[in-house]
Amino acid sequence: MPYVGQRFGRYRIEEQIGAGGMGVVYRAYDEKLERNLALKVLTPGALNDDAARKRFRNEARVLSRLNHAAIQTIHDFDTFDGHDYLVSELVPGLSLDTRLQSGALPEKEVVDLGFQLAQGLAAAHAAGVLHRDLKPANLRVTFDGRLKILDFGLATLSREVVLTLSTTQTLATAPMGIAGTLPYMSPEQLLGEQVDARSDIYSAGVVLFELSTQQLPFNDSLAPKLTNAILHQAPPALRALAPKLSIEFEHIVLKCLEKDPELRYQSAKELATDLRRLEVRSRAVTIEVPAVKRPRRWLVPAIASVGICALVAATLLLWPHLTMKEGAGPSAPRWEQLTNFNDSAEIPTLSRDGKIVAFLRGPGSLGNSANVGQVWFKSLPHGEPFPLTKSVPRKQTINFSEDGSRLYFTQIEGPFAWNTYELSLLGGQEPKLFMANATGLSWVGSDRLLFSTISTGVHMKLATSNVSRTDERDVYAPADHMQGMVHRSTLSPDRKWVLLVEMDSQWWRRCRLVPFDGSSAGQQVGPEGSCTWAQWSPDGK
């Protein structure tokens, strides 16, 4: 397999963002067109002869001509140095298998995603292309709620491969790729028979079942028993697993899961029509229900001239909208509720395009320099929040990369061992160490970082450097060389000043404004008292 930095023709491998039975996916840079793409290097043997390679090339050519919002765009298919690879659109967002880790999705969201899925399948089927491997891992939702179908045509499982599932084999020991695919395969696909569009419809039904219940309709760990259940047993009733689901939705899903293809929806277009009808009917019913007024708890910010604010822990995460009345003066913030947990949502950070918010959810620890909890994620304004981390260590300061494709957060892994971790939002990967002895990290340029780092003991200074830290320089070092610590900082829009919060042996101090070039220690700013968080207004004033 290729390595980071290697070139596949005109494509430079940047990072691995996923892996599966059919190959490894990388974020790659097209040096000719100067854009980021997804490059999938197929597993050796995936296309084991010229006939298979020709078939896949033909399907890739057909898919490349499809221009549908729900289908990942194909750009190229070729062979380099003995490796078959496929180049496609780099789709931001999270796959549905990642979404499922935080629980079943509401029916309204499942119906919407199912409608988009059915529309994409209908377009592909009309062009004569089957997917053959629909599952949550191959479905990604972008930050604005659009579903994208990935990996079309990559998983034609031969009858010989299916027959390798012996009478004692478990999914844990199944051939690579089978374990994740078998529970979603239609009966006719399992039998090695000729499949058509209705096989994809069966798999879509399994996906809808799992999204709405967080369970598979058939989930035996022994492959032969699982195969027998798919072939001969009726799926459980959805409403027995999730009573809040509507009868109409249950009927749609169970029709997709009919054993006999003749009894299923005969086309993805028919499925899309029923899902759309249910969506419209549900919306009409919702409108008729009188609104129930609930008491709302508000987060009131204290804003100084440089945008200093105290972060208040609350069970609600609130989002300011700037509203402007005609003929009125400056814009005024209007706060909208984003979360309603029974614990706290803290230290939120917004992506640069304003479409995503990430935050720490936990018991709440206002004023601490490290918080207990997990990093959560939510698309704005109406996406469902879900967790991105599961690790035990305390965390702090979350920030996005400049393009919004990655998150960076501090993890405290020992006595004053503050390290920054990187989490890709392009694939379901675990966080990886990005920079040791660095906290409060933020990107202030394409290759420029601003972060706090411990110099000696617990003395924490503010520094800036490139990614490799080869040109690191100090921006500000607290005068208390024993217990002075800079925890959080933010660069002004004009890149001349840094607003920071610091603490010493007497606890949190006032906010401080320092020059980014490090030419002086600057001055304290803002109201008297403890400053635990600071941020600039958009205009830097």
Protein backbone atom coordinates (compact mmCIF):
# COMPACT_ATOMS: atom_id res chain seq x y z
CA MET A 1 0.00 0.00 0.00
CA PRO A 2 1.17 3.57 -0.61
CA TYR A 3 2.58 5.86 2.04
CA VAL A 4 1.95 9.50 2.91
CA GLY A 5 3.87 11.75 0.53
CA GLN A 6 3.96 9.19 -2.28
CA ARG A 7 2.71 10.22 -5.73
CA PHE A 8 0.21 8.20 -7.75
CA GLY A 9 0.65 9.85 -11.12
CA ARG A 10 -0.52 13.42 -10.58
CA TYR A 11 -1.99 12.67 -7.14
CA ARG A 12 0.02 13.19 -3.95
CA ILE A 13 -1.03 11.08 -0.92
CA GLU A 14 -1.74 13.39 2.04
CA GLU A 15 -3.26 11.16 4.75
CA GLN A 16 -5.18 7.93 5.26
CA ILE A 17 -8.84 8.63 6.03
CA GLY A 18 -10.43 5.18 5.88
CA ALA A 19 -10.00 1.48 5.23
CA GLY A 20 -12.24 -1.47 4.43
CA GLY A 21 -12.46 -4.81 2.75
CA MET A 22 -12.08 -3.34 -0.74
CA GLY A 23 -9.14 -1.07 -0.04
CA VAL A 24 -7.66 1.92 1.76
CA VAL A 25 -8.87 5.50 1.24
CA TYR A 26 -6.52 8.46 1.29
CA ARG A 27 -6.95 12.19 1.07
CA ALA A 28 -4.91 13.08 -1.98
CA TYR A 29 -3.96 16.31 -3.71
CA ASP A 30 -4.44 16.67 -7.45
CA GLU A 31 -1.37 18.67 -8.44
CA LYS A 32 -2.74 19.42 -11.89
CA LEU A 33 -6.14 20.81 -10.87
CA GLU A 34 -4.96 21.89 -7.38
CA ARG A 35 -7.73 20.30 -5.33
CA ASN A 36 -8.17 17.67 -2.63
CA LEU A 37 -9.75 14.35 -3.62
CA ALA A 38 -10.38 10.89 -2.20
CA LEU A 39 -8.09 8.23 -3.63
CA LYS A 40 -9.02 4.62 -2.92
CA VAL A 41 -6.29 2.04 -3.51
CA LEU A 42 -8.07 -1.24 -4.07
CA THR A 43 -7.02 -4.33 -2.15
CA PRO A 44 -4.77 -6.58 -4.26
CA GLY A 45 -7.02 -9.15 -5.93
CA ALA A 46 -10.17 -7.05 -5.63
CA LEU A 47 -10.17 -6.90 -9.42
CA ASN A 48 -8.51 -10.23 -10.02
CA ASP A 49 -8.57 -10.35 -13.81
CA ASP A 50 -8.84 -8.17 -16.87
CA ALA A 51 -12.56 -8.90 -17.23
CA ALA A 52 -13.30 -7.65 -13.70
CA ARG A 53 -11.09 -4.62 -14.26
CA LYS A 54 -12.87 -3.85 -17.53
CA ARG A 55 -16.30 -4.20 -15.88
CA PHE A 56 -15.33 -1.90 -13.06
CA ARG A 57 -13.78 0.63 -15.45
CA ASN A 58 -17.02 0.68 -17.43
CA GLU A 59 -19.07 1.25 -14.27
CA ALA A 60 -16.68 3.97 -13.13
CA ARG A 61 -17.08 5.65 -16.52
CA VAL A 62 -20.87 5.54 -16.25
CA LEU A 63 -20.81 6.85 -12.66
CA SER A 64 -18.43 9.67 -13.63
CA ARG A 65 -21.13 10.92 -16.01
CA LEU A 66 -23.79 10.93 -13.31
CA ASN A 67 -24.32 14.32 -11.76
CA HIS A 68 -26.49 13.55 -8.76
CA ALA A 69 -26.33 15.23 -5.36
CA ALA A 70 -26.59 11.90 -3.50
CA ILE A 71 -23.80 10.09 -5.37
CA GLN A 72 -20.10 10.60 -4.78
CA THR A 73 -18.61 11.93 -8.01
CA ILE A 74 -16.05 9.67 -9.72
CA HIS A 75 -13.11 11.45 -11.37
CA ASP A 76 -10.62 8.77 -12.41
CA PHE A 77 -9.80 5.06 -12.40
CA ASP A 78 -6.35 3.78 -13.24
CA THR A 79 -3.49 1.46 -12.31
CA PHE A 80 -0.20 2.74 -10.93
CA ASP A 81 2.79 0.60 -9.97
CA GLY A 82 0.58 -2.51 -9.89
CA HIS A 83 -2.14 -0.89 -7.75
CA ASP A 84 -5.67 -0.30 -9.02
CA TYR A 85 -7.04 2.96 -7.68
CA LEU A 86 -10.18 5.04 -7.91
CA VAL A 87 -10.24 8.84 -7.56
CA SER A 88 -13.44 10.48 -6.40
CA GLU A 89 -14.92 13.52 -4.75
CA LEU A 90 -13.70 14.13 -1.21
CA VAL A 91 -16.92 14.16 0.80
CA PRO A 92 -16.80 16.00 4.14
CA GLY A 93 -18.96 14.84 7.01
CA LEU A 94 -19.39 11.60 8.95
CA SER A 95 -20.47 8.15 7.87
CA LEU A 96 -23.71 6.75 9.22
CA ASP A 97 -21.97 3.93 11.09
CA THR A 98 -20.24 6.65 13.13
CA ARG A 99 -23.56 8.40 13.70
CA LEU A 100 -25.06 5.14 14.98
CA GLN A 101 -22.51 4.95 17.76
CA SER A 102 -24.51 7.57 19.66
CA GLY A 103 -27.86 5.83 19.23
CA ALA A 104 -30.75 5.42 16.82
CA LEU A 105 -31.74 8.42 14.72
CA PRO A 106 -35.18 10.07 14.95
CA GLU A 107 -37.71 8.84 12.38
CA LYS A 108 -37.86 12.27 10.74
CA GLU A 109 -34.13 12.22 10.04
CA VAL A 110 -34.15 8.58 8.88
CA VAL A 111 -37.00 9.31 6.45
CA ASP A 112 -35.11 12.31 5.06
CA LEU A 113 -31.88 10.33 4.65
CA GLY A 114 -33.80 7.37 3.19
CA PHE A 115 -35.45 9.63 0.64
CA GLN A 116 -32.05 10.97 -0.45
CA LEU A 117 -30.67 7.43 -0.58
CA ALA A 118 -33.57 6.22 -2.74
CA GLN A 119 -33.15 9.16 -5.11
CA GLY A 120 -29.45 8.42 -5.55
CA LEU A 121 -30.12 4.73 -6.15
CA ALA A 122 -32.82 5.56 -8.69
CA ALA A 123 -30.35 7.70 -10.66
CA ALA A 124 -27.67 5.00 -10.59
CA HIS A 125 -30.10 2.20 -11.47
CA ALA A 126 -31.41 4.23 -14.41
CA ALA A 127 -27.82 4.31 -15.68
CA GLY A 128 -27.53 0.55 -15.24
CA VAL A 129 -25.24 0.59 -12.19
CA LEU A 130 -25.90 -1.35 -8.97
CA HIS A 131 -24.22 -0.59 -5.67
CA ARG A 132 -24.11 -4.15 -4.26
CA ASP A 133 -22.68 -3.10 -0.87
CA LEU A 134 -25.04 -0.60 0.75
CA LYS A 135 -24.39 -0.21 4.48
CA PRO A 136 -24.01 2.71 6.91
CA ALA A 137 -20.22 2.75 6.44
CA ASN A 138 -20.75 3.55 2.75
CA LEU A 139 -23.18 6.39 3.40
CA ARG A 140 -21.90 9.76 4.53
CA VAL A 141 -23.84 12.82 5.66
CA THR A 142 -22.30 16.21 4.97
CA PHE A 143 -22.36 18.99 7.51
CA ASP A 144 -25.44 20.55 5.91
CA GLY A 145 -27.43 17.29 6.02
CA ARG A 146 -26.90 15.97 2.48
CA LEU A 147 -26.43 12.22 2.08
CA LYS A 148 -23.74 10.88 -0.24
CA ILE A 149 -23.53 7.26 -1.42
CA LEU A 150 -19.92 6.06 -1.54
CA ASP A 151 -18.19 3.07 -3.15
CA PHE A 152 -20.54 2.24 -6.00
CA GLY A 153 -19.77 -1.04 -7.77
CA LEU A 154 -16.86 -2.02 -5.53
CA ALA A 155 -18.24 -5.20 -3.95
CA THR A 156 -19.39 -7.83 -6.39
CA LEU A 157 -18.97 -10.92 -4.22
CA SER A 158 -18.53 -14.08 -6.24
CA ARG A 159 -20.42 -17.26 -5.43
CA GLU A 160 -17.10 -18.85 -4.46
CA VAL A 161 -16.44 -16.15 -1.86
CA VAL A 162 -19.89 -16.58 -0.36
CA LEU A 163 -19.40 -20.34 -0.13
CA THR A 164 -16.24 -19.85 1.95
CA LEU A 165 -18.54 -19.09 4.88
CA SER A 166 -18.31 -22.54 6.45
CA THR A 167 -20.65 -24.04 9.01
CA THR A 168 -18.40 -22.99 11.88
CA GLN A 169 -17.26 -19.59 10.68
CA THR A 170 -18.07 -16.45 12.68
CA LEU A 171 -18.20 -12.93 11.35
CA ALA A 172 -15.04 -12.17 13.34
CA THR A 173 -13.12 -14.70 11.21
CA ALA A 174 -14.89 -14.04 7.92
CA PRO A 175 -12.84 -12.94 4.89
CA MET A 176 -11.99 -9.27 4.90
CA GLY A 177 -15.00 -7.24 3.79
CA ILE A 178 -17.58 -10.01 4.32
CA ALA A 179 -18.16 -9.29 8.02
CA GLY A 180 -19.33 -5.76 7.32
CA THR A 181 -21.30 -6.72 4.22
CA LEU A 182 -23.06 -10.00 4.99
CA PRO A 183 -25.82 -8.61 7.28
CA TYR A 184 -26.88 -6.21 4.51
CA MET A 185 -26.92 -8.71 1.62
CA SER A 186 -30.18 -9.68 -0.05
CA PRO A 187 -31.25 -13.36 -0.12
CA GLU A 188 -30.59 -13.62 -3.85
CA GLN A 189 -27.13 -12.08 -3.41
CA LEU A 190 -26.32 -14.61 -0.69
CA LEU A 191 -27.37 -17.45 -2.98
CA GLY A 192 -25.05 -16.20 -5.71
CA GLU A 193 -27.96 -15.56 -8.05
CA GLN A 194 -28.27 -12.81 -10.59
CA VAL A 195 -29.12 -9.54 -8.82
CA ASP A 196 -30.85 -6.41 -9.99
CA ALA A 197 -31.93 -3.06 -8.53
CA ARG A 198 -34.22 -4.81 -6.03
CA SER A 199 -31.17 -6.25 -4.25
CA ASP A 200 -30.00 -2.70 -3.48
CA ILE A 201 -33.52 -1.93 -2.23
CA TYR A 202 -33.28 -4.83 0.23
CA SER A 203 -29.95 -3.48 1.52
CA ALA A 204 -31.47 0.00 1.79
CA GLY A 205 -34.20 -1.53 3.95
CA VAL A 206 -31.59 -3.02 6.28
CA VAL A 207 -29.95 0.40 6.56
CA LEU A 208 -33.27 2.10 7.39
CA PHE A 209 -34.01 -0.63 9.97
CA GLU A 210 -30.63 -0.12 11.66
CA LEU A 211 -30.75 3.68 11.60
CA SER A 212 -34.14 3.73 13.32
CA THR A 213 -33.50 1.00 15.93
CA GLN A 214 -29.68 0.81 16.27
CA GLN A 215 -30.09 -2.91 15.59
CA LEU A 216 -29.78 -5.10 12.53
CA PRO A 217 -32.83 -7.15 11.52
CA PHE A 218 -30.64 -10.26 11.60
CA ASN A 219 -27.50 -10.16 13.73
CA ASP A 220 -26.34 -13.67 14.62
CA SER A 221 -22.55 -13.78 15.05
CA LEU A 222 -22.31 -17.19 13.35
CA ALA A 223 -22.24 -16.61 9.61
CA PRO A 224 -24.23 -19.76 8.69
CA LYS A 225 -26.98 -18.91 11.19
CA LEU A 226 -27.04 -15.32 9.97
CA THR A 227 -27.29 -16.50 6.38
CA ASN A 228 -30.13 -18.87 7.28
CA ALA A 229 -32.01 -16.06 9.06
CA ILE A 230 -31.69 -13.73 6.06
CA LEU A 231 -32.93 -16.50 3.76
CA HIS A 232 -35.76 -17.93 5.83
CA GLN A 233 -36.75 -15.88 8.91
CA ALA A 234 -39.05 -12.86 9.06
CA PRO A 235 -37.45 -9.67 10.39
CA PRO A 236 -38.66 -8.42 13.79
CA ALA A 237 -41.27 -5.70 13.89
CA LEU A 238 -39.62 -2.30 14.12
CA ARG A 239 -42.18 -0.92 16.54
CA ALA A 240 -41.45 -3.74 18.96
CA LEU A 241 -37.89 -2.39 19.15
CA ALA A 242 -38.74 1.32 18.85
CA PRO A 243 -42.40 1.98 19.77
CA LYS A 244 -42.26 5.63 18.74
CA LEU A 245 -41.83 4.72 15.08
CA SER A 246 -44.90 5.18 12.90
CA ILE A 247 -46.82 2.27 11.39
CA GLU A 248 -46.30 3.79 7.93
CA PHE A 249 -42.52 3.85 8.34
CA GLU A 250 -42.51 0.25 9.59
CA HIS A 251 -44.52 -0.80 6.56
CA ILE A 252 -42.03 0.87 4.17
CA VAL A 253 -39.02 -0.81 5.78
CA LEU A 254 -40.58 -4.27 5.95
CA LYS A 255 -41.59 -4.03 2.30
CA CYS A 256 -37.94 -3.41 1.44
CA LEU A 257 -36.99 -6.53 3.44
CA GLU A 258 -39.28 -9.00 1.66
CA LYS A 259 -37.46 -12.25 0.81
CA ASP A 260 -39.06 -12.42 -2.63
CA PRO A 261 -37.83 -9.59 -4.88
CA GLU A 262 -41.26 -9.54 -6.54
CA LEU A 263 -42.83 -8.43 -3.24
CA ARG A 264 -40.39 -5.59 -2.61
CA TYR A 265 -40.49 -2.14 -4.10
CA GLN A 266 -39.82 -2.73 -7.78
CA SER A 267 -37.73 0.40 -8.12
CA ALA A 268 -35.90 2.89 -5.93
CA LYS A 269 -38.18 5.54 -7.37
CA GLU A 270 -41.18 3.78 -5.79
CA LEU A 271 -39.37 3.71 -2.44
CA ALA A 272 -38.53 7.41 -2.75
CA THR A 273 -42.18 8.20 -3.49
CA ASP A 274 -43.43 6.45 -0.34
CA LEU A 275 -40.77 8.05 1.83
CA ARG A 276 -41.60 11.45 0.41
CA ARG A 277 -45.30 10.89 1.01
CA LEU A 278 -44.57 9.94 4.64
CA GLU A 279 -42.35 12.98 5.07
CA VAL A 280 -45.05 15.34 3.79
CA ARG A 281 -47.76 13.69 5.90
CA SER A 282 -45.59 13.87 9.04
CA ARG A 283 -44.89 17.52 8.43
CA ALA A 284 -48.59 18.25 8.12
CA VAL A 285 -49.35 16.41 11.36
CA THR A 286 -46.58 18.28 13.13
CA ILE A 287 -48.03 21.61 12.07
CA GLU A 288 -51.41 20.68 13.58
CA VAL A 289 -49.97 19.92 17.02
CA PRO A 290 -50.13 23.01 19.25
CA ALA A 291 -46.79 24.20 20.48
CA VAL A 292 -46.00 23.54 24.12
CA LYS A 293 -44.24 26.41 25.78
CA ARG A 294 -41.34 25.42 27.97
CA PRO A 295 -39.31 27.58 30.27
CA ARG A 296 -35.98 28.43 28.71
CA ARG A 297 -32.76 29.13 30.51
CA TRP A 298 -30.55 31.70 28.90
CA LEU A 299 -26.85 32.25 28.77
CA VAL A 300 -26.10 35.96 29.12
CA PRO A 301 -22.69 37.07 27.83
CA ALA A 302 -20.64 39.91 29.26
CA ILE A 303 -18.89 41.51 26.33
CA ALA A 304 -16.14 44.11 26.61
CA SER A 305 -14.76 46.31 23.84
CA VAL A 306 -12.37 43.61 22.65
CA GLY A 307 -14.92 40.83 22.83
CA ILE A 308 -14.00 39.39 26.23
CA CYS A 309 -16.64 37.01 27.51
CA ALA A 310 -17.07 34.73 30.48
CA LEU A 311 -18.04 31.20 29.48
CA VAL A 312 -20.86 29.93 31.65
CA ALA A 313 -21.49 26.19 32.02
CA ALA A 314 -25.12 25.28 31.41
CA THR A 315 -27.28 22.41 30.32
CA LEU A 316 -27.97 24.37 27.14
CA LEU A 317 -25.60 25.29 24.35
CA LEU A 318 -26.79 28.54 22.84
CA TRP A 319 -25.99 30.06 19.48
CA PRO A 320 -26.00 33.81 18.78
CA HIS A 321 -27.68 34.99 15.60
CA LEU A 322 -26.98 38.55 14.58
CA THR A 323 -30.21 40.23 13.60
CA MET A 324 -30.62 43.60 11.95
CA LYS A 325 -33.80 45.61 11.89
CA GLU A 326 -34.20 48.03 9.03
CA GLY A 327 -33.10 51.49 10.06
CA ALA A 328 -31.77 50.23 13.38
CA GLY A 329 -28.30 50.56 14.78
CA PRO A 330 -25.67 47.84 15.23
CA SER A 331 -26.61 44.18 15.07
CA ALA A 332 -27.80 42.63 18.30
CA PRO A 333 -27.26 38.98 19.28
CA ARG A 334 -30.30 36.72 19.44
CA TRP A 335 -29.59 33.51 21.32
CA GLU A 336 -31.00 30.20 20.12
CA GLN A 337 -30.95 26.92 22.03
CA LEU A 338 -28.85 24.20 20.38
CA THR A 339 -28.73 21.47 23.03
CA ASN A 340 -30.82 20.38 25.98
CA PHE A 341 -28.85 17.76 27.90
CA ASN A 342 -29.27 16.82 31.52
CA ASP A 343 -25.60 17.69 32.01
CA SER A 344 -23.37 20.42 30.58
CA ALA A 345 -22.28 21.50 27.12
CA GLU A 346 -19.10 23.55 27.45
CA ILE A 347 -16.28 25.26 25.54
CA PRO A 348 -18.04 25.39 22.15
CA THR A 349 -16.16 26.20 18.96
CA LEU A 350 -17.63 27.06 15.58
CA SER A 351 -16.24 26.05 12.20
CA ARG A 352 -15.17 28.92 9.99
CA ASP A 353 -18.09 28.46 7.62
CA GLY A 354 -20.53 28.51 10.56
CA LYS A 355 -22.02 25.10 9.70
CA ILE A 356 -20.67 23.00 12.58
CA VAL A 357 -20.26 23.42 16.31
CA ALA A 358 -18.06 21.17 18.44
CA PHE A 359 -18.19 21.19 22.22
CA LEU A 360 -17.37 19.22 25.35
CA ARG A 361 -20.23 17.41 27.04
CA GLY A 362 -19.79 16.37 30.66
CA PRO A 363 -20.76 17.02 34.28
CA GLY A 364 -19.65 20.64 34.09
CA SER A 365 -16.59 22.31 35.55
CA LEU A 366 -16.80 26.05 35.07
CA GLY A 367 -13.53 27.81 35.75
CA ASN A 368 -11.32 24.72 35.57
CA SER A 369 -8.34 24.53 33.27
CA ALA A 370 -9.30 20.96 32.26
CA ASN A 371 -12.76 19.49 31.88
CA VAL A 372 -14.28 16.03 32.25
CA GLY A 373 -16.29 14.82 29.29
CA GLN A 374 -16.24 13.94 25.60
CA VAL A 375 -15.99 15.97 22.42
CA TRP A 376 -19.36 16.22 20.68
CA PHE A 377 -20.36 17.51 17.26
CA LYS A 378 -23.49 19.09 15.79
CA SER A 379 -24.40 20.42 12.35
CA LEU A 380 -26.13 23.77 12.48
CA PRO A 381 -28.85 24.62 12.92
CA HIS A 382 -30.92 21.44 13.29
CA GLY A 383 -28.52 18.47 13.16
CA GLU A 384 -28.57 15.88 15.93
CA PRO A 385 -25.58 16.12 18.34
CA PHE A 386 -23.41 13.04 18.74
CA PRO A 387 -20.06 12.15 20.36
CA LEU A 388 -16.72 12.01 18.58
CA THR A 389 -14.51 10.70 21.41
CA LYS A 390 -14.70 8.00 24.07
CA SER A 391 -11.37 8.46 25.85
CA VAL A 392 -11.06 8.80 29.63
CA PRO A 393 -8.52 11.67 30.02
CA ARG A 394 -9.72 15.19 30.74
CA LYS A 395 -9.93 17.53 27.78
CA GLN A 396 -9.75 21.21 26.93
CA THR A 397 -9.78 23.75 24.09
CA ILE A 398 -11.34 22.52 20.86
CA ASN A 399 -10.62 24.11 17.47
CA PHE A 400 -11.24 23.35 13.80
CA SER A 401 -8.71 23.23 11.00
CA GLU A 402 -8.97 26.06 8.49
CA ASP A 403 -10.94 23.94 6.00
CA GLY A 404 -13.20 22.45 8.71
CA SER A 405 -12.18 18.85 7.90
CA ARG A 406 -10.38 18.18 11.22
CA LEU A 407 -10.79 18.92 14.91
CA TYR A 408 -8.01 19.57 17.41
CA PHE A 409 -8.43 19.22 21.15
CA THR A 410 -6.22 19.06 24.22
CA GLN A 411 -6.03 15.85 26.21
CA ILE A 412 -4.43 15.84 29.67
CA GLU A 413 -2.59 12.52 30.02
CA GLY A 414 -0.65 12.96 33.23
CA PRO A 415 0.53 15.59 35.69
CA PHE A 416 0.82 18.63 33.43
CA ALA A 417 1.12 16.46 30.30
CA TRP A 418 -0.98 18.55 27.91
CA ASN A 419 -1.06 17.12 24.38
CA THR A 420 -3.04 18.11 21.27
CA TYR A 421 -4.92 15.42 19.35
CA GLU A 422 -6.23 15.54 15.80
CA LEU A 423 -9.55 14.01 14.74
CA SER A 424 -10.44 13.75 11.05
CA LEU A 425 -14.06 14.47 10.14
CA LEU A 426 -13.62 12.75 6.76
CA GLY A 427 -13.68 9.22 8.13
CA GLY A 428 -14.42 7.18 11.22
CA GLN A 429 -10.88 7.21 12.59
CA GLU A 430 -9.71 7.40 16.17
CA PRO A 431 -8.04 10.64 17.33
CA LYS A 432 -4.28 10.65 16.86
CA LEU A 433 -1.56 12.61 18.61
CA PHE A 434 -0.85 15.75 16.61
CA MET A 435 1.53 17.71 18.85
CA ALA A 436 2.95 16.80 22.26
CA ASN A 437 3.29 19.45 24.98
CA ALA A 438 0.82 21.75 23.25
CA THR A 439 -2.59 22.98 24.41
CA GLY A 440 -5.08 25.57 23.22
CA LEU A 441 -3.85 24.98 19.68
CA SER A 442 -5.39 26.97 16.84
CA TRP A 443 -4.51 27.45 13.19
CA VAL A 444 -3.53 31.02 12.31
CA GLY A 445 -2.33 30.27 8.76
CA SER A 446 -1.89 27.41 6.32
CA ASP A 447 1.29 26.33 8.14
CA ARG A 448 1.19 28.45 11.28
CA LEU A 449 -0.04 27.44 14.74
CA LEU A 450 -0.66 29.31 17.98
CA PHE A 451 -0.48 27.23 21.16
CA SER A 452 0.56 27.10 24.80
CA THR A 453 3.45 24.90 25.88
CA ILE A 454 5.08 24.07 29.20
CA SER A 455 8.66 25.33 29.45
CA THR A 456 9.69 24.19 32.94
CA GLY A 457 7.68 22.71 35.80
CA VAL A 458 4.16 24.02 35.35
CA HIS A 459 5.19 27.30 33.71
CA MET A 460 3.17 27.51 30.50
CA LYS A 461 4.02 30.09 27.85
CA LEU A 462 2.38 31.07 24.57
CA ALA A 463 4.24 30.21 21.38
CA THR A 464 3.80 30.04 17.61
CA SER A 465 5.44 27.79 15.04
CA ASN A 466 4.95 25.86 11.84
CA VAL A 467 3.55 22.31 12.01
CA SER A 468 7.00 20.75 12.43
CA ARG A 469 7.93 23.26 15.20
CA THR A 470 11.23 24.05 13.48
CA ASP A 471 10.70 27.82 13.81
CA GLU A 472 9.01 27.98 17.20
CA ARG A 473 9.18 31.35 18.97
CA ASP A 474 7.66 32.79 22.14
CA VAL A 475 4.74 35.18 21.97
CA TYR A 476 4.32 35.71 25.71
CA ALA A 477 5.69 34.13 28.90
CA PRO A 478 4.00 34.89 32.27
CA ALA A 479 6.14 36.79 34.75
CA ASP A 480 5.47 34.14 37.41
CA HIS A 481 8.06 31.60 36.24
CA MET A 482 6.90 29.03 38.78
CA GLN A 483 3.12 28.86 38.40
CA GLY A 484 2.21 31.28 35.61
CA MET A 485 0.22 29.53 32.87
CA VAL A 486 -1.30 30.74 29.59
CA HIS A 487 -4.20 28.41 28.85
CA ARG A 488 -6.21 29.90 26.00
CA SER A 489 -5.53 32.45 23.32
CA THR A 490 -7.02 33.90 20.15
CA LEU A 491 -5.45 35.94 17.36
CA SER A 492 -7.06 39.21 16.27
CA PRO A 493 -8.54 39.41 12.75
CA ASP A 494 -5.71 41.74 11.66
CA ARG A 495 -3.14 39.23 13.03
CA LYS A 496 -1.41 41.87 15.15
CA TRP A 497 -2.67 41.06 18.65
CA VAL A 498 -3.36 38.04 20.80
CA LEU A 499 -6.03 38.01 23.49
CA LEU A 500 -5.21 35.44 26.16
CA VAL A 501 -6.29 34.13 29.54
CA GLU A 502 -3.76 33.19 32.20
CA MET A 503 -3.56 31.95 35.77
CA ASP A 504 -0.98 31.86 38.55
CA SER A 505 -0.78 30.89 42.21
CA GLN A 506 -3.70 33.24 42.94
CA TRP A 507 -5.97 31.53 40.36
CA TRP A 508 -7.31 33.15 37.15
CA ARG A 509 -6.13 36.68 36.35
CA ARG A 510 -7.61 39.40 34.15
CA CYS A 511 -7.43 38.89 30.38
CA ARG A 512 -4.26 40.09 28.69
CA LEU A 513 -3.64 41.67 25.28
CA VAL A 514 -0.17 41.08 23.81
CA PRO A 515 1.40 41.79 20.40
CA PHE A 516 1.63 38.69 18.17
CA ASP A 517 5.25 39.51 17.32
CA GLY A 518 6.19 38.99 20.99
CA SER A 519 7.74 42.44 21.31
CA SER A 520 6.25 43.15 24.74
CA ALA A 521 4.26 41.65 27.60
CA GLY A 522 1.25 43.74 26.62
CA GLN A 523 -1.31 44.76 29.23
CA GLN A 524 -4.27 43.44 31.19
CA VAL A 525 -7.64 44.30 29.70
CA GLY A 526 -11.29 43.85 30.51
CA PRO A 527 -13.16 43.96 33.81
CA GLU A 528 -11.61 43.19 37.15
CA GLY A 529 -11.89 39.59 38.32
CA SER A 530 -11.18 36.18 36.86
CA CYS A 531 -11.08 35.88 33.08
CA THR A 532 -11.47 32.22 32.05
CA TRP A 533 -12.18 32.64 28.34
CA ALA A 534 -11.70 35.31 25.69
CA GLN A 535 -12.69 35.84 22.07
CA TRP A 536 -12.55 38.59 19.47
CA SER A 537 -15.57 40.14 17.82
CA PRO A 538 -15.62 39.63 14.01
CA ASP A 539 -14.44 43.20 13.34
CA GLY A 540 -11.64 42.99 15.91
CA LYS A 541 -12.86 46.03 17.80
